[in-house]
Amino acid sequence: MIENKEIWIKTGYEIFAISGQNALKIEPLAKKVGISKSSFYHHFADLDIFIDFLLKHHIQQSYMIAKKEHNAKNIDPELIDILVAHKIDLLFNRQLRINRNIQSFANILSQSNKIVGDGFVMIWVKDLNLQLSQKQLEGIFELALENFYLQINLENLNHRWLAEYFANLKEITKKFV
Protein backbone atom coordinates (compact mmCIF):
# COMPACT_ATOMS: atom_id res chain seq x y z
CA MET A 1 0.00 0.00 0.00
CA ILE A 2 2.77 2.46 0.93
CA GLU A 3 4.64 1.59 -2.26
CA ASN A 4 1.63 2.68 -4.33
CA LYS A 5 1.45 5.95 -2.42
CA GLU A 6 5.15 6.59 -3.04
CA ILE A 7 4.73 5.86 -6.77
CA TRP A 8 1.93 8.42 -6.96
CA ILE A 9 4.05 11.00 -5.15
CA LYS A 10 7.21 10.35 -7.17
CA THR A 11 5.35 10.52 -10.49
CA GLY A 12 3.27 13.56 -9.50
CA TYR A 13 6.38 15.32 -8.22
CA GLU A 14 8.11 14.81 -11.55
CA ILE A 15 5.10 15.96 -13.58
CA PHE A 16 4.76 19.07 -11.40
CA ALA A 17 8.49 19.76 -11.72
CA ILE A 18 8.57 19.48 -15.49
CA SER A 19 5.17 20.80 -16.52
CA GLY A 20 3.70 22.66 -13.54
CA GLN A 21 0.63 22.34 -11.38
CA ASN A 22 -1.82 22.55 -14.28
CA ALA A 23 -0.38 19.32 -15.73
CA LEU A 24 -1.46 17.41 -12.62
CA LYS A 25 -4.62 15.66 -13.76
CA ILE A 26 -5.69 12.48 -12.02
CA GLU A 27 -6.60 10.39 -15.07
CA PRO A 28 -3.35 11.00 -17.03
CA LEU A 29 -1.41 10.56 -13.78
CA ALA A 30 -3.12 7.20 -13.20
CA LYS A 31 -2.23 6.09 -16.73
CA LYS A 32 1.40 7.10 -16.23
CA VAL A 33 1.59 5.33 -12.87
CA GLY A 34 -0.28 2.31 -14.20
CA ILE A 35 -2.64 2.17 -11.23
CA SER A 36 -6.37 2.86 -11.16
CA LYS A 37 -7.75 6.27 -10.24
CA SER A 38 -9.50 4.71 -7.25
CA SER A 39 -6.04 4.07 -5.75
CA PHE A 40 -5.31 7.78 -6.03
CA TYR A 41 -8.51 8.67 -4.19
CA HIS A 42 -7.82 6.00 -1.58
CA HIS A 43 -4.46 7.58 -0.74
CA PHE A 44 -5.16 11.28 -1.24
CA ALA A 45 -8.93 11.97 -1.46
CA ASP A 46 -8.39 14.91 -3.83
CA LEU A 47 -5.80 16.84 -5.83
CA ASP A 48 -5.28 19.51 -3.14
CA ILE A 49 -4.30 16.90 -0.57
CA PHE A 50 -2.03 15.28 -3.16
CA ILE A 51 -0.29 18.61 -3.79
CA ASP A 52 0.25 18.97 -0.04
CA PHE A 53 2.05 15.60 -0.13
CA LEU A 54 4.17 16.82 -3.03
CA LEU A 55 5.11 19.95 -1.09
CA LYS A 56 6.10 17.89 1.96
CA HIS A 57 8.14 15.62 -0.30
CA HIS A 58 9.93 18.69 -1.66
CA ILE A 59 10.98 19.74 1.84
CA GLN A 60 12.34 16.23 2.45
CA GLN A 61 14.30 16.47 -0.80
CA SER A 62 15.60 19.89 0.23
CA TYR A 63 17.05 18.42 3.42
CA MET A 64 18.68 15.66 1.39
CA ILE A 65 20.28 18.23 -0.94
CA ALA A 66 21.44 20.35 2.02
CA LYS A 67 23.09 17.33 3.61
CA LYS A 68 25.00 16.63 0.40
CA GLU A 69 25.93 20.32 0.03
CA HIS A 70 27.35 20.29 3.52
CA ASN A 71 29.93 17.72 2.39
CA ALA A 72 30.76 19.46 -0.91
CA LYS A 73 34.06 21.32 -1.05
CA ASN A 74 33.66 23.18 -4.35
CA ILE A 75 31.23 24.20 -7.06
CA ASP A 76 32.84 22.23 -9.87
CA PRO A 77 32.52 19.31 -9.82
CA GLU A 78 31.01 18.53 -6.40
CA LEU A 79 28.10 20.99 -6.18
CA ILE A 80 27.36 20.62 -9.88
CA ASP A 81 27.16 16.84 -9.45
CA ILE A 82 24.62 17.35 -6.65
CA LEU A 83 22.55 19.73 -8.78
CA VAL A 84 22.52 17.35 -11.74
CA ALA A 85 21.50 14.46 -9.48
CA HIS A 86 18.64 16.59 -8.12
CA LYS A 87 17.47 18.23 -11.33
CA ILE A 88 13.82 17.27 -10.72
CA ASP A 89 14.00 18.90 -7.28
CA LEU A 90 15.42 22.07 -8.83
CA LEU A 91 12.70 22.10 -11.46
CA PHE A 92 10.07 21.58 -8.75
CA ASN A 93 11.52 24.56 -6.91
CA ARG A 94 11.36 26.52 -10.17
CA GLN A 95 7.63 25.78 -10.44
CA LEU A 96 7.14 26.96 -6.87
CA ARG A 97 9.00 30.16 -7.76
CA ILE A 98 6.88 30.71 -10.88
CA ASN A 99 3.69 30.18 -8.87
CA ARG A 100 4.72 31.90 -5.65
CA ASN A 101 1.49 33.90 -5.80
CA ILE A 102 -0.10 30.76 -4.29
CA GLN A 103 0.55 31.10 -0.57
CA SER A 104 1.31 27.43 0.13
CA PHE A 105 3.84 27.42 -2.74
CA ALA A 106 5.44 30.63 -1.46
CA ASN A 107 5.76 29.12 2.03
CA ILE A 108 7.40 25.92 0.78
CA LEU A 109 9.66 27.91 -1.57
CA SER A 110 10.84 30.03 1.34
CA GLN A 111 11.48 26.97 3.53
CA SER A 112 13.28 25.12 0.76
CA ASN A 113 15.45 28.11 -0.14
CA LYS A 114 16.46 28.49 3.50
CA ILE A 115 17.30 24.79 3.84
CA VAL A 116 19.33 24.57 0.65
CA GLY A 117 20.50 28.17 0.28
CA ASP A 118 22.75 28.44 3.31
CA GLY A 119 24.97 25.55 2.26
CA PHE A 120 25.05 26.75 -1.30
CA VAL A 121 26.15 30.25 -0.32
CA MET A 122 28.96 28.86 1.85
CA ILE A 123 30.37 26.81 -1.05
CA TRP A 124 29.86 29.68 -3.46
CA VAL A 125 31.65 32.26 -1.30
CA LYS A 126 34.53 29.89 -0.55
CA ASP A 127 34.92 28.74 -4.15
CA LEU A 128 34.77 32.25 -5.60
CA ASN A 129 36.96 33.71 -2.85
CA LEU A 130 34.86 36.85 -2.71
CA GLN A 131 35.79 39.74 -0.46
CA LEU A 132 32.35 41.30 -0.21
CA SER A 133 30.17 42.32 2.72
CA GLN A 134 27.40 39.99 3.86
CA LYS A 135 24.79 42.37 2.40
CA GLN A 136 26.55 42.44 -0.97
CA LEU A 137 26.80 38.64 -1.01
CA GLU A 138 23.12 38.25 -0.17
CA GLY A 139 22.14 40.70 -2.93
CA ILE A 140 24.30 39.02 -5.56
CA PHE A 141 23.06 35.61 -4.47
CA GLU A 142 19.41 36.69 -4.80
CA LEU A 143 20.04 38.01 -8.31
CA ALA A 144 21.98 34.91 -9.27
CA LEU A 145 19.26 32.66 -7.90
CA GLU A 146 16.51 34.48 -9.79
CA ASN A 147 18.59 34.35 -12.98
CA PHE A 148 19.34 30.65 -12.44
CA TYR A 149 15.68 29.68 -12.12
CA LEU A 150 14.76 31.74 -15.19
CA GLN A 151 17.23 29.77 -17.29
CA ILE A 152 17.02 26.17 -16.12
CA ASN A 153 15.03 23.47 -17.86
CA LEU A 154 15.10 19.69 -18.16
CA GLU A 155 17.56 19.76 -21.06
CA ASN A 156 20.15 22.21 -19.76
CA LEU A 157 20.49 20.95 -16.20
CA ASN A 158 23.64 19.04 -17.01
CA HIS A 159 27.28 19.30 -15.99
CA ARG A 160 28.42 21.27 -19.05
CA TRP A 161 25.72 23.94 -18.83
CA LEU A 162 26.08 24.33 -15.07
CA ALA A 163 29.88 24.60 -15.30
CA GLU A 164 29.49 27.36 -17.90
CA TYR A 165 26.80 29.07 -15.83
CA PHE A 166 28.94 29.13 -12.69
CA ALA A 167 32.05 30.21 -14.61
CA ASN A 168 30.07 33.12 -16.04
CA LEU A 169 28.68 33.95 -12.63
CA LYS A 170 32.20 33.96 -11.23
CA GLU A 171 33.30 36.49 -13.88
CA ILE A 172 30.31 38.71 -13.16
CA THR A 173 30.88 38.67 -9.41
CA LYS A 174 34.56 39.54 -9.83
CA LYS A 175 33.43 42.87 -11.27
CA PHE A 176 31.92 43.75 -7.90
CA VAL A 177 35.27 43.52 -6.12
C-alpha atoms as a PDB file:
ATOM      1  CA  MET A   1       0.000   0.000   0.000  1.00  0.00           C
ATOM      2  CA  ILE A   2       2.771   2.459   0.928  1.00  0.00           C
ATOM      3  CA  GLU A   3       4.635   1.594  -2.259  1.00  0.00           C
ATOM      4  CA  ASN A   4       1.632   2.685  -4.334  1.00  0.00           C
ATOM      5  CA  LYS A   5       1.448   5.953  -2.417  1.00  0.00           C
ATOM      6  CA  GLU A   6       5.151   6.589  -3.043  1.00  0.00           C
ATOM      7  CA  ILE A   7       4.726   5.858  -6.765  1.00  0.00           C
ATOM      8  CA  TRP A   8       1.934   8.416  -6.962  1.00  0.00           C
ATOM      9  CA  ILE A   9       4.054  11.002  -5.147  1.00  0.00           C
ATOM     10  CA  LYS A  10       7.206  10.348  -7.173  1.00  0.00           C
ATOM     11  CA  THR A  11       5.348  10.521 -10.486  1.00  0.00           C
ATOM     12  CA  GLY A  12       3.273  13.559  -9.501  1.00  0.00           C
ATOM     13  CA  TYR A  13       6.385  15.321  -8.219  1.00  0.00           C
ATOM     14  CA  GLU A  14       8.114  14.809 -11.553  1.00  0.00           C
ATOM     15  CA  ILE A  15       5.096  15.961 -13.581  1.00  0.00           C
ATOM     16  CA  PHE A  16       4.755  19.068 -11.404  1.00  0.00           C
ATOM     17  CA  ALA A  17       8.492  19.764 -11.724  1.00  0.00           C
ATOM     18  CA  ILE A  18       8.570  19.478 -15.494  1.00  0.00           C
ATOM     19  CA  SER A  19       5.165  20.800 -16.517  1.00  0.00           C
ATOM     20  CA  GLY A  20       3.703  22.658 -13.545  1.00  0.00           C
ATOM     21  CA  GLN A  21       0.634  22.335 -11.378  1.00  0.00           C
ATOM     22  CA  ASN A  22      -1.818  22.547 -14.281  1.00  0.00           C
ATOM     23  CA  ALA A  23      -0.381  19.317 -15.725  1.00  0.00           C
ATOM     24  CA  LEU A  24      -1.461  17.407 -12.620  1.00  0.00           C
ATOM     25  CA  LYS A  25      -4.625  15.662 -13.758  1.00  0.00           C
ATOM     26  CA  ILE A  26      -5.691  12.478 -12.017  1.00  0.00           C
ATOM     27  CA  GLU A  27      -6.601  10.388 -15.068  1.00  0.00           C
ATOM     28  CA  PRO A  28      -3.351  10.997 -17.031  1.00  0.00           C
ATOM     29  CA  LEU A  29      -1.413  10.563 -13.781  1.00  0.00           C
ATOM     30  CA  ALA A  30      -3.125   7.201 -13.195  1.00  0.00           C
ATOM     31  CA  LYS A  31      -2.225   6.089 -16.725  1.00  0.00           C
ATOM     32  CA  LYS A  32       1.397   7.099 -16.231  1.00  0.00           C
ATOM     33  CA  VAL A  33       1.590   5.328 -12.873  1.00  0.00           C
ATOM     34  CA  GLY A  34      -0.284   2.309 -14.203  1.00  0.00           C
ATOM     35  CA  ILE A  35      -2.642   2.172 -11.232  1.00  0.00           C
ATOM     36  CA  SER A  36      -6.374   2.858 -11.158  1.00  0.00           C
ATOM     37  CA  LYS A  37      -7.755   6.273 -10.237  1.00  0.00           C
ATOM     38  CA  SER A  38      -9.496   4.709  -7.252  1.00  0.00           C
ATOM     39  CA  SER A  39      -6.042   4.067  -5.752  1.00  0.00           C
ATOM     40  CA  PHE A  40      -5.312   7.777  -6.032  1.00  0.00           C
ATOM     41  CA  TYR A  41      -8.514   8.674  -4.189  1.00  0.00           C
ATOM     42  CA  HIS A  42      -7.823   5.996  -1.581  1.00  0.00           C
ATOM     43  CA  HIS A  43      -4.457   7.585  -0.745  1.00  0.00           C
ATOM     44  CA  PHE A  44      -5.155  11.281  -1.244  1.00  0.00           C
ATOM     45  CA  ALA A  45      -8.925  11.969  -1.462  1.00  0.00           C
ATOM     46  CA  ASP A  46      -8.385  14.910  -3.835  1.00  0.00           C
ATOM     47  CA  LEU A  47      -5.797  16.840  -5.825  1.00  0.00           C
ATOM     48  CA  ASP A  48      -5.283  19.514  -3.143  1.00  0.00           C
ATOM     49  CA  ILE A  49      -4.299  16.903  -0.573  1.00  0.00           C
ATOM     50  CA  PHE A  50      -2.030  15.280  -3.159  1.00  0.00           C
ATOM     51  CA  ILE A  51      -0.293  18.608  -3.788  1.00  0.00           C
ATOM     52  CA  ASP A  52       0.255  18.966  -0.035  1.00  0.00           C
ATOM     53  CA  PHE A  53       2.050  15.604  -0.126  1.00  0.00           C
ATOM     54  CA  LEU A  54       4.174  16.822  -3.031  1.00  0.00           C
ATOM     55  CA  LEU A  55       5.110  19.951  -1.089  1.00  0.00           C
ATOM     56  CA  LYS A  56       6.105  17.885   1.959  1.00  0.00           C
ATOM     57  CA  HIS A  57       8.144  15.616  -0.304  1.00  0.00           C
ATOM     58  CA  HIS A  58       9.932  18.686  -1.660  1.00  0.00           C
ATOM     59  CA  ILE A  59      10.978  19.741   1.840  1.00  0.00           C
ATOM     60  CA  GLN A  60      12.343  16.229   2.451  1.00  0.00           C
ATOM     61  CA  GLN A  61      14.298  16.466  -0.802  1.00  0.00           C
ATOM     62  CA  SER A  62      15.602  19.892   0.227  1.00  0.00           C
ATOM     63  CA  TYR A  63      17.046  18.418   3.417  1.00  0.00           C
ATOM     64  CA  MET A  64      18.683  15.664   1.391  1.00  0.00           C
ATOM     65  CA  ILE A  65      20.285  18.227  -0.938  1.00  0.00           C
ATOM     66  CA  ALA A  66      21.439  20.347   2.021  1.00  0.00           C
ATOM     67  CA  LYS A  67      23.086  17.331   3.609  1.00  0.00           C
ATOM     68  CA  LYS A  68      25.000  16.631   0.401  1.00  0.00           C
ATOM     69  CA  GLU A  69      25.931  20.321   0.029  1.00  0.00           C
ATOM     70  CA  HIS A  70      27.354  20.294   3.524  1.00  0.00           C
ATOM     71  CA  ASN A  71      29.926  17.723   2.386  1.00  0.00           C
ATOM     72  CA  ALA A  72      30.763  19.462  -0.912  1.00  0.00           C
ATOM     73  CA  LYS A  73      34.061  21.317  -1.045  1.00  0.00           C
ATOM     74  CA  ASN A  74      33.660  23.181  -4.354  1.00  0.00           C
ATOM     75  CA  ILE A  75      31.234  24.203  -7.055  1.00  0.00           C
ATOM     76  CA  ASP A  76      32.844  22.228  -9.871  1.00  0.00           C
ATOM     77  CA  PRO A  77      32.516  19.306  -9.825  1.00  0.00           C
ATOM     78  CA  GLU A  78      31.009  18.534  -6.397  1.00  0.00           C
ATOM     79  CA  LEU A  79      28.103  20.992  -6.182  1.00  0.00           C
ATOM     80  CA  ILE A  80      27.359  20.617  -9.877  1.00  0.00           C
ATOM     81  CA  ASP A  81      27.155  16.840  -9.446  1.00  0.00           C
ATOM     82  CA  ILE A  82      24.618  17.355  -6.647  1.00  0.00           C
ATOM     83  CA  LEU A  83      22.551  19.735  -8.775  1.00  0.00           C
ATOM     84  CA  VAL A  84      22.521  17.347 -11.736  1.00  0.00           C
ATOM     85  CA  ALA A  85      21.496  14.463  -9.475  1.00  0.00           C
ATOM     86  CA  HIS A  86      18.637  16.593  -8.119  1.00  0.00           C
ATOM     87  CA  LYS A  87      17.465  18.225 -11.335  1.00  0.00           C
ATOM     88  CA  ILE A  88      13.824  17.267 -10.725  1.00  0.00           C
ATOM     89  CA  ASP A  89      13.999  18.897  -7.282  1.00  0.00           C
ATOM     90  CA  LEU A  90      15.421  22.071  -8.832  1.00  0.00           C
ATOM     91  CA  LEU A  91      12.697  22.097 -11.459  1.00  0.00           C
ATOM     92  CA  PHE A  92      10.066  21.583  -8.750  1.00  0.00           C
ATOM     93  CA  ASN A  93      11.517  24.562  -6.909  1.00  0.00           C
ATOM     94  CA  ARG A  94      11.360  26.523 -10.174  1.00  0.00           C
ATOM     95  CA  GLN A  95       7.632  25.775 -10.444  1.00  0.00           C
ATOM     96  CA  LEU A  96       7.138  26.964  -6.866  1.00  0.00           C
ATOM     97  CA  ARG A  97       9.002  30.159  -7.758  1.00  0.00           C
ATOM     98  CA  ILE A  98       6.884  30.706 -10.879  1.00  0.00           C
ATOM     99  CA  ASN A  99       3.686  30.179  -8.867  1.00  0.00           C
ATOM    100  CA  ARG A 100       4.716  31.898  -5.647  1.00  0.00           C
ATOM    101  CA  ASN A 101       1.489  33.903  -5.803  1.00  0.00           C
ATOM    102  CA  ILE A 102      -0.100  30.764  -4.293  1.00  0.00           C
ATOM    103  CA  GLN A 103       0.555  31.096  -0.570  1.00  0.00           C
ATOM    104  CA  SER A 104       1.313  27.429   0.133  1.00  0.00           C
ATOM    105  CA  PHE A 105       3.835  27.418  -2.736  1.00  0.00           C
ATOM    106  CA  ALA A 106       5.445  30.625  -1.465  1.00  0.00           C
ATOM    107  CA  ASN A 107       5.760  29.118   2.030  1.00  0.00           C
ATOM    108  CA  ILE A 108       7.404  25.917   0.785  1.00  0.00           C
ATOM    109  CA  LEU A 109       9.659  27.911  -1.566  1.00  0.00           C
ATOM    110  CA  SER A 110      10.839  30.030   1.340  1.00  0.00           C
ATOM    111  CA  GLN A 111      11.480  26.972   3.531  1.00  0.00           C
ATOM    112  CA  SER A 112      13.276  25.119   0.756  1.00  0.00           C
ATOM    113  CA  ASN A 113      15.451  28.113  -0.140  1.00  0.00           C
ATOM    114  CA  LYS A 114      16.460  28.489   3.504  1.00  0.00           C
ATOM    115  CA  ILE A 115      17.295  24.790   3.843  1.00  0.00           C
ATOM    116  CA  VAL A 116      19.330  24.571   0.649  1.00  0.00           C
ATOM    117  CA  GLY A 117      20.503  28.173   0.275  1.00  0.00           C
ATOM    118  CA  ASP A 118      22.746  28.435   3.309  1.00  0.00           C
ATOM    119  CA  GLY A 119      24.969  25.551   2.264  1.00  0.00           C
ATOM    120  CA  PHE A 120      25.055  26.748  -1.298  1.00  0.00           C
ATOM    121  CA  VAL A 121      26.154  30.250  -0.317  1.00  0.00           C
ATOM    122  CA  MET A 122      28.955  28.859   1.846  1.00  0.00           C
ATOM    123  CA  ILE A 123      30.366  26.808  -1.053  1.00  0.00           C
ATOM    124  CA  TRP A 124      29.861  29.681  -3.465  1.00  0.00           C
ATOM    125  CA  VAL A 125      31.653  32.256  -1.299  1.00  0.00           C
ATOM    126  CA  LYS A 126      34.533  29.888  -0.549  1.00  0.00           C
ATOM    127  CA  ASP A 127      34.924  28.738  -4.148  1.00  0.00           C
ATOM    128  CA  LEU A 128      34.767  32.249  -5.596  1.00  0.00           C
ATOM    129  CA  ASN A 129      36.961  33.706  -2.846  1.00  0.00           C
ATOM    130  CA  LEU A 130      34.863  36.851  -2.710  1.00  0.00           C
ATOM    131  CA  GLN A 131      35.791  39.735  -0.457  1.00  0.00           C
ATOM    132  CA  LEU A 132      32.352  41.300  -0.211  1.00  0.00           C
ATOM    133  CA  SER A 133      30.172  42.319   2.719  1.00  0.00           C
ATOM    134  CA  GLN A 134      27.397  39.988   3.857  1.00  0.00           C
ATOM    135  CA  LYS A 135      24.785  42.366   2.404  1.00  0.00           C
ATOM    136  CA  GLN A 136      26.552  42.440  -0.973  1.00  0.00           C
ATOM    137  CA  LEU A 137      26.804  38.643  -1.005  1.00  0.00           C
ATOM    138  CA  GLU A 138      23.122  38.248  -0.168  1.00  0.00           C
ATOM    139  CA  GLY A 139      22.143  40.699  -2.926  1.00  0.00           C
ATOM    140  CA  ILE A 140      24.298  39.016  -5.561  1.00  0.00           C
ATOM    141  CA  PHE A 141      23.058  35.606  -4.474  1.00  0.00           C
ATOM    142  CA  GLU A 142      19.408  36.694  -4.796  1.00  0.00           C
ATOM    143  CA  LEU A 143      20.043  38.014  -8.306  1.00  0.00           C
ATOM    144  CA  ALA A 144      21.979  34.912  -9.272  1.00  0.00           C
ATOM    145  CA  LEU A 145      19.257  32.655  -7.895  1.00  0.00           C
ATOM    146  CA  GLU A 146      16.512  34.477  -9.791  1.00  0.00           C
ATOM    147  CA  ASN A 147      18.588  34.351 -12.983  1.00  0.00           C
ATOM    148  CA  PHE A 148      19.343  30.652 -12.442  1.00  0.00           C
ATOM    149  CA  TYR A 149      15.683  29.685 -12.123  1.00  0.00           C
ATOM    150  CA  LEU A 150      14.757  31.745 -15.190  1.00  0.00           C
ATOM    151  CA  GLN A 151      17.231  29.769 -17.287  1.00  0.00           C
ATOM    152  CA  ILE A 152      17.023  26.172 -16.116  1.00  0.00           C
ATOM    153  CA  ASN A 153      15.034  23.466 -17.858  1.00  0.00           C
ATOM    154  CA  LEU A 154      15.098  19.688 -18.156  1.00  0.00           C
ATOM    155  CA  GLU A 155      17.556  19.762 -21.056  1.00  0.00           C
ATOM    156  CA  ASN A 156      20.149  22.206 -19.764  1.00  0.00           C
ATOM    157  CA  LEU A 157      20.486  20.946 -16.202  1.00  0.00           C
ATOM    158  CA  ASN A 158      23.640  19.044 -17.006  1.00  0.00           C
ATOM    159  CA  HIS A 159      27.277  19.301 -15.991  1.00  0.00           C
ATOM    160  CA  ARG A 160      28.415  21.268 -19.049  1.00  0.00           C
ATOM    161  CA  TRP A 161      25.717  23.943 -18.833  1.00  0.00           C
ATOM    162  CA  LEU A 162      26.080  24.326 -15.069  1.00  0.00           C
ATOM    163  CA  ALA A 163      29.879  24.602 -15.302  1.00  0.00           C
ATOM    164  CA  GLU A 164      29.487  27.361 -17.901  1.00  0.00           C
ATOM    165  CA  TYR A 165      26.801  29.070 -15.831  1.00  0.00           C
ATOM    166  CA  PHE A 166      28.940  29.125 -12.686  1.00  0.00           C
ATOM    167  CA  ALA A 167      32.055  30.210 -14.610  1.00  0.00           C
ATOM    168  CA  ASN A 168      30.067  33.117 -16.045  1.00  0.00           C
ATOM    169  CA  LEU A 169      28.676  33.954 -12.627  1.00  0.00           C
ATOM    170  CA  LYS A 170      32.202  33.962 -11.230  1.00  0.00           C
ATOM    171  CA  GLU A 171      33.295  36.492 -13.876  1.00  0.00           C
ATOM    172  CA  ILE A 172      30.312  38.710 -13.157  1.00  0.00           C
ATOM    173  CA  THR A 173      30.876  38.674  -9.407  1.00  0.00           C
ATOM    174  CA  LYS A 174      34.560  39.538  -9.826  1.00  0.00           C
ATOM    175  CA  LYS A 175      33.427  42.867 -11.271  1.00  0.00           C
ATOM    176  CA  PHE A 176      31.923  43.746  -7.896  1.00  0.00           C
ATOM    177  CA  VAL A 177      35.270  43.525  -6.116  1.00  0.00           C
END
